[in-house]
Amino acid sequence: MRDLKDWKGCPPPAPVTLEGRHVRLEPYDRERHLQALWDAFGGTAINPLLRYFTQPDFSGVADFDAWSESVIKSGWVREVIVDKADGRPVGMAHYMRPDPVNGVVEIGGIAHGPGMARSPLSTEAQYLLAKHVFEDLGYRRYEWKCHDGNAASKRTAARLGFTFEGIFRQHMLSKGENRDTAWFSIIDGEWPVIGKAFEAWLAPENFDAEGRQKRRLEDIRAEIAGEDSA
């Protein structure tokens, strides 16, 4: 844990461009990204994709636009995930509920189109987002929250290195029903190991000729943690 006697807080997250090998994260621009994201999500096929989001189902791109403008106005910082292979948007993520005084921010509102399936794109995007928070902005705590019924999101959080902290019961209403929320976090003291594991997993030598991983991210992280504690 860092020495906090001279702690002065962190800057709030702002739209930023982050470059990786496979993806580029870029600030959301309504004119360039609205229709492109809607198409990447398959139009109204976005509704089952976002079944655990709290907003009502979208009937068309106008609903998606209105919701986007609402959450961005509320303080969500949207980053659009662009596949560098063809320059097309394939997903989105948001920095949410920042607490710069205490150095806490959440990543959420994450959605991936089919173009990110069975590829390293989503993992690299999450690495870039977390690295920016810890290494560029100096945050102490990075949160992941999801509907407790969203088993896929909970598995993803654990795979990425987030620690499960518990369930907030009756945390909110979602689509007119109760939502219990699962909370996860990464703290700054954990990031060096987690960041090294991301880099090792993303290295070209970790993939075979068909693009399949050779070693799991979880196994790489456990090995690095063991080496650092030896």
Protein backbone atom coordinates (compact mmCIF):
# COMPACT_ATOMS: atom_id res chain seq x y z
CA MET A 1 0.00 0.00 0.00
CA ARG A 2 1.32 3.41 -0.93
CA ASP A 3 2.21 6.10 1.60
CA LEU A 4 -0.83 8.38 1.76
CA LYS A 5 0.52 11.21 3.89
CA ASP A 6 0.94 13.40 0.78
CA TRP A 7 -2.14 12.09 -1.05
CA LYS A 8 -3.80 14.82 -3.10
CA GLY A 9 -6.36 12.79 -5.01
CA CYS A 10 -6.54 12.00 -8.73
CA PRO A 11 -7.78 13.77 -11.84
CA PRO A 12 -11.24 12.66 -12.92
CA PRO A 13 -11.24 10.28 -15.88
CA ALA A 14 -11.67 12.09 -19.19
CA PRO A 15 -12.14 10.86 -22.75
CA VAL A 16 -8.83 9.48 -23.95
CA THR A 17 -7.30 7.60 -26.88
CA LEU A 18 -5.43 4.43 -25.93
CA GLU A 19 -3.53 2.32 -28.46
CA GLY A 20 -2.94 -1.40 -28.29
CA ARG A 21 -1.77 -4.01 -30.75
CA HIS A 22 -5.29 -5.16 -31.62
CA VAL A 23 -7.59 -2.35 -30.52
CA ARG A 24 -7.72 1.40 -30.20
CA LEU A 25 -9.91 2.97 -27.55
CA GLU A 26 -11.21 6.37 -28.56
CA PRO A 27 -13.62 8.91 -27.07
CA TYR A 28 -17.22 8.52 -28.13
CA ASP A 29 -18.29 10.94 -30.84
CA ARG A 30 -21.99 10.79 -31.60
CA GLU A 31 -21.63 11.62 -35.29
CA ARG A 32 -18.95 9.00 -35.93
CA HIS A 33 -19.89 6.28 -33.48
CA LEU A 34 -23.63 6.15 -32.80
CA GLN A 35 -24.77 4.30 -35.91
CA ALA A 36 -21.53 2.33 -36.12
CA LEU A 37 -21.99 0.97 -32.61
CA TRP A 38 -25.66 0.23 -33.20
CA ASP A 39 -24.70 -1.75 -36.30
CA ALA A 40 -21.83 -3.50 -34.50
CA PHE A 41 -24.26 -4.68 -31.82
CA GLY A 42 -26.67 -6.00 -34.45
CA GLY A 43 -29.38 -3.36 -34.09
CA THR A 44 -32.13 -4.55 -31.78
CA ALA A 45 -30.05 -7.67 -31.14
CA ILE A 46 -28.44 -5.37 -28.56
CA ASN A 47 -31.39 -6.01 -26.21
CA PRO A 48 -30.50 -9.58 -25.19
CA LEU A 49 -26.86 -8.50 -25.15
CA LEU A 50 -27.73 -5.81 -22.59
CA ARG A 51 -30.26 -7.86 -20.64
CA TYR A 52 -28.51 -7.00 -17.36
CA PHE A 53 -28.37 -3.25 -18.05
CA THR A 54 -31.00 -1.26 -16.15
CA GLN A 55 -32.57 0.63 -19.07
CA PRO A 56 -35.66 -0.64 -20.94
CA ASP A 57 -35.16 -2.48 -24.22
CA PHE A 58 -34.36 -0.31 -27.24
CA SER A 59 -36.85 -0.19 -30.10
CA GLY A 60 -34.34 1.41 -32.46
CA VAL A 61 -31.20 3.51 -32.74
CA ALA A 62 -33.07 6.61 -31.47
CA ASP A 63 -33.60 4.90 -28.11
CA PHE A 64 -29.95 3.90 -27.99
CA ASP A 65 -29.00 7.47 -28.79
CA ALA A 66 -31.23 8.92 -26.06
CA TRP A 67 -29.89 6.47 -23.49
CA SER A 68 -26.29 7.18 -24.55
CA GLU A 69 -26.73 10.91 -24.22
CA SER A 70 -28.39 10.44 -20.82
CA VAL A 71 -25.65 8.30 -19.28
CA ILE A 72 -22.88 10.44 -20.72
CA LYS A 73 -24.57 13.55 -19.33
CA SER A 74 -24.74 11.80 -15.95
CA GLY A 75 -20.95 11.43 -15.93
CA TRP A 76 -20.19 8.17 -17.71
CA VAL A 77 -17.06 8.49 -19.86
CA ARG A 78 -17.62 6.31 -22.93
CA GLU A 79 -14.68 4.71 -24.67
CA VAL A 80 -15.36 3.09 -28.04
CA ILE A 81 -13.42 -0.09 -28.80
CA VAL A 82 -12.15 -0.06 -32.40
CA ASP A 83 -10.72 -3.11 -34.16
CA LYS A 84 -7.44 -1.89 -35.65
CA ALA A 85 -7.59 -4.56 -38.33
CA ASP A 86 -10.42 -2.78 -40.17
CA GLY A 87 -11.00 0.44 -38.22
CA ARG A 88 -14.55 -0.48 -37.21
CA PRO A 89 -16.10 0.04 -33.76
CA VAL A 90 -16.82 -3.31 -32.11
CA GLY A 91 -17.72 -2.42 -28.53
CA MET A 92 -17.86 0.12 -25.75
CA ALA A 93 -16.95 0.58 -22.09
CA HIS A 94 -17.40 3.41 -19.61
CA TYR A 95 -15.49 4.91 -16.72
CA MET A 96 -18.24 5.43 -14.14
CA ARG A 97 -18.91 6.98 -10.73
CA PRO A 98 -15.44 8.47 -10.25
CA ASP A 99 -14.36 9.47 -6.75
CA PRO A 100 -11.12 11.36 -7.47
CA VAL A 101 -10.73 12.49 -3.84
CA ASN A 102 -10.39 8.87 -2.71
CA GLY A 103 -8.91 7.53 -5.95
CA VAL A 104 -11.78 5.19 -6.86
CA VAL A 105 -13.43 4.62 -10.24
CA GLU A 106 -15.61 1.92 -11.79
CA ILE A 107 -15.49 0.33 -15.23
CA GLY A 108 -18.90 -0.66 -16.53
CA GLY A 109 -21.53 -0.34 -19.21
CA ILE A 110 -19.45 -2.83 -21.21
CA ALA A 111 -20.85 -4.31 -24.40
CA HIS A 112 -19.14 -6.30 -27.15
CA GLY A 113 -20.44 -6.97 -30.62
CA PRO A 114 -19.90 -10.29 -32.41
CA GLY A 115 -16.72 -8.85 -33.96
CA MET A 116 -14.97 -9.27 -30.60
CA ALA A 117 -15.88 -12.93 -30.16
CA ARG A 118 -13.08 -15.49 -29.84
CA SER A 119 -10.32 -12.89 -30.07
CA PRO A 120 -7.92 -11.04 -27.76
CA LEU A 121 -9.67 -7.72 -28.44
CA SER A 122 -11.76 -7.54 -25.27
CA THR A 123 -8.87 -8.58 -23.01
CA GLU A 124 -6.57 -5.98 -24.54
CA ALA A 125 -9.26 -3.31 -24.18
CA GLN A 126 -9.66 -4.11 -20.49
CA TYR A 127 -5.89 -4.06 -20.02
CA LEU A 128 -5.61 -0.62 -21.62
CA LEU A 129 -8.49 0.78 -19.55
CA ALA A 130 -7.05 -0.49 -16.27
CA LYS A 131 -3.49 0.54 -17.10
CA HIS A 132 -4.63 4.09 -17.82
CA VAL A 133 -6.43 4.29 -14.47
CA PHE A 134 -3.53 3.01 -12.38
CA GLU A 135 -0.46 4.22 -14.27
CA ASP A 136 -1.60 7.46 -15.90
CA LEU A 137 -4.21 8.74 -13.45
CA GLY A 138 -2.87 7.22 -10.23
CA TYR A 139 -6.08 5.67 -8.89
CA ARG A 140 -6.05 3.41 -5.83
CA ARG A 141 -9.11 1.28 -6.51
CA TYR A 142 -10.76 0.07 -9.73
CA GLU A 143 -14.25 -1.41 -9.43
CA TRP A 144 -16.33 -3.88 -11.44
CA LYS A 145 -20.00 -4.33 -10.52
CA CYS A 146 -22.63 -6.49 -12.15
CA HIS A 147 -26.04 -8.05 -11.63
CA ASP A 148 -25.51 -11.07 -9.40
CA GLY A 149 -27.38 -13.15 -11.95
CA ASN A 150 -24.87 -12.27 -14.66
CA ALA A 151 -22.63 -15.32 -14.39
CA ALA A 152 -20.65 -14.43 -17.52
CA SER A 153 -19.73 -10.99 -16.15
CA LYS A 154 -18.64 -12.50 -12.83
CA ARG A 155 -16.45 -15.04 -14.62
CA THR A 156 -14.91 -12.28 -16.72
CA ALA A 157 -14.14 -10.15 -13.67
CA ALA A 158 -12.37 -13.06 -11.98
CA ARG A 159 -10.43 -13.91 -15.15
CA LEU A 160 -9.24 -10.31 -15.49
CA GLY A 161 -7.90 -10.30 -11.93
CA PHE A 162 -10.69 -8.55 -10.00
CA THR A 163 -11.30 -9.79 -6.46
CA PHE A 164 -14.88 -10.62 -5.48
CA GLU A 165 -15.90 -8.57 -2.43
CA GLY A 166 -19.53 -9.51 -1.83
CA ILE A 167 -23.17 -8.93 -2.76
CA PHE A 168 -25.08 -5.71 -2.20
CA ARG A 169 -28.60 -7.05 -1.71
CA GLN A 170 -31.51 -5.13 -3.26
CA HIS A 171 -28.97 -2.65 -4.53
CA MET A 172 -31.20 -1.24 -7.28
CA LEU A 173 -34.10 -1.87 -9.62
CA SER A 174 -33.34 -3.21 -13.08
CA LYS A 175 -36.05 -3.38 -15.72
CA GLY A 176 -38.64 -3.23 -12.95
CA GLU A 177 -37.14 -6.07 -10.93
CA ASN A 178 -34.82 -6.34 -7.96
CA ARG A 179 -31.09 -6.38 -8.63
CA ASP A 180 -28.57 -7.79 -6.19
CA THR A 181 -25.17 -6.46 -7.24
CA ALA A 182 -21.87 -8.36 -7.11
CA TRP A 183 -18.88 -6.13 -6.32
CA PHE A 184 -15.31 -6.74 -7.48
CA SER A 185 -12.16 -4.63 -7.33
CA ILE A 186 -8.49 -4.34 -8.18
CA ILE A 187 -6.39 -2.14 -5.90
CA ASP A 188 -3.17 -0.38 -6.77
CA GLY A 189 -0.94 -2.78 -4.86
CA GLU A 190 -2.26 -5.66 -6.99
CA TRP A 191 -1.84 -3.94 -10.33
CA PRO A 192 1.88 -4.67 -10.95
CA VAL A 193 1.25 -8.43 -10.99
CA ILE A 194 -2.04 -8.12 -12.86
CA GLY A 195 -0.51 -5.77 -15.43
CA LYS A 196 2.47 -8.08 -16.05
CA ALA A 197 0.10 -10.99 -16.55
CA PHE A 198 -1.93 -9.04 -19.12
CA GLU A 199 1.23 -8.18 -21.03
CA ALA A 200 2.45 -11.78 -21.02
CA TRP A 201 -0.93 -13.11 -22.13
CA LEU A 202 -1.20 -10.55 -24.94
CA ALA A 203 2.32 -11.24 -26.25
CA PRO A 204 2.28 -12.71 -29.80
CA GLU A 205 4.16 -15.80 -28.62
CA ASN A 206 1.21 -16.75 -26.40
CA PHE A 207 -0.93 -17.50 -29.48
CA ASP A 208 -0.65 -20.28 -32.02
CA ALA A 209 -1.00 -19.95 -35.78
CA GLU A 210 -4.81 -20.12 -35.48
CA GLY A 211 -4.88 -17.37 -32.84
CA ARG A 212 -5.64 -19.68 -29.91
CA GLN A 213 -4.11 -18.91 -26.54
CA LYS A 214 -1.36 -21.18 -25.30
CA ARG A 215 -1.61 -20.21 -21.64
CA ARG A 216 -4.58 -18.89 -19.68
CA LEU A 217 -4.46 -15.42 -18.18
CA GLU A 218 -5.28 -16.81 -14.73
CA ASP A 219 -2.38 -19.27 -14.88
CA ILE A 220 0.09 -16.61 -15.98
CA ARG A 221 -1.04 -14.31 -13.17
CA ALA A 222 -0.70 -17.06 -10.56
CA GLU A 223 2.81 -17.86 -11.77
CA ILE A 224 3.92 -14.21 -11.64
CA ALA A 225 2.40 -13.78 -8.18
CA GLY A 226 4.29 -16.85 -6.99
CA GLU A 227 7.56 -15.55 -8.40
CA ASP A 228 7.09 -12.15 -6.79
CA SER A 229 6.39 -13.68 -3.39
CA ALA A 230 9.32 -16.11 -3.52
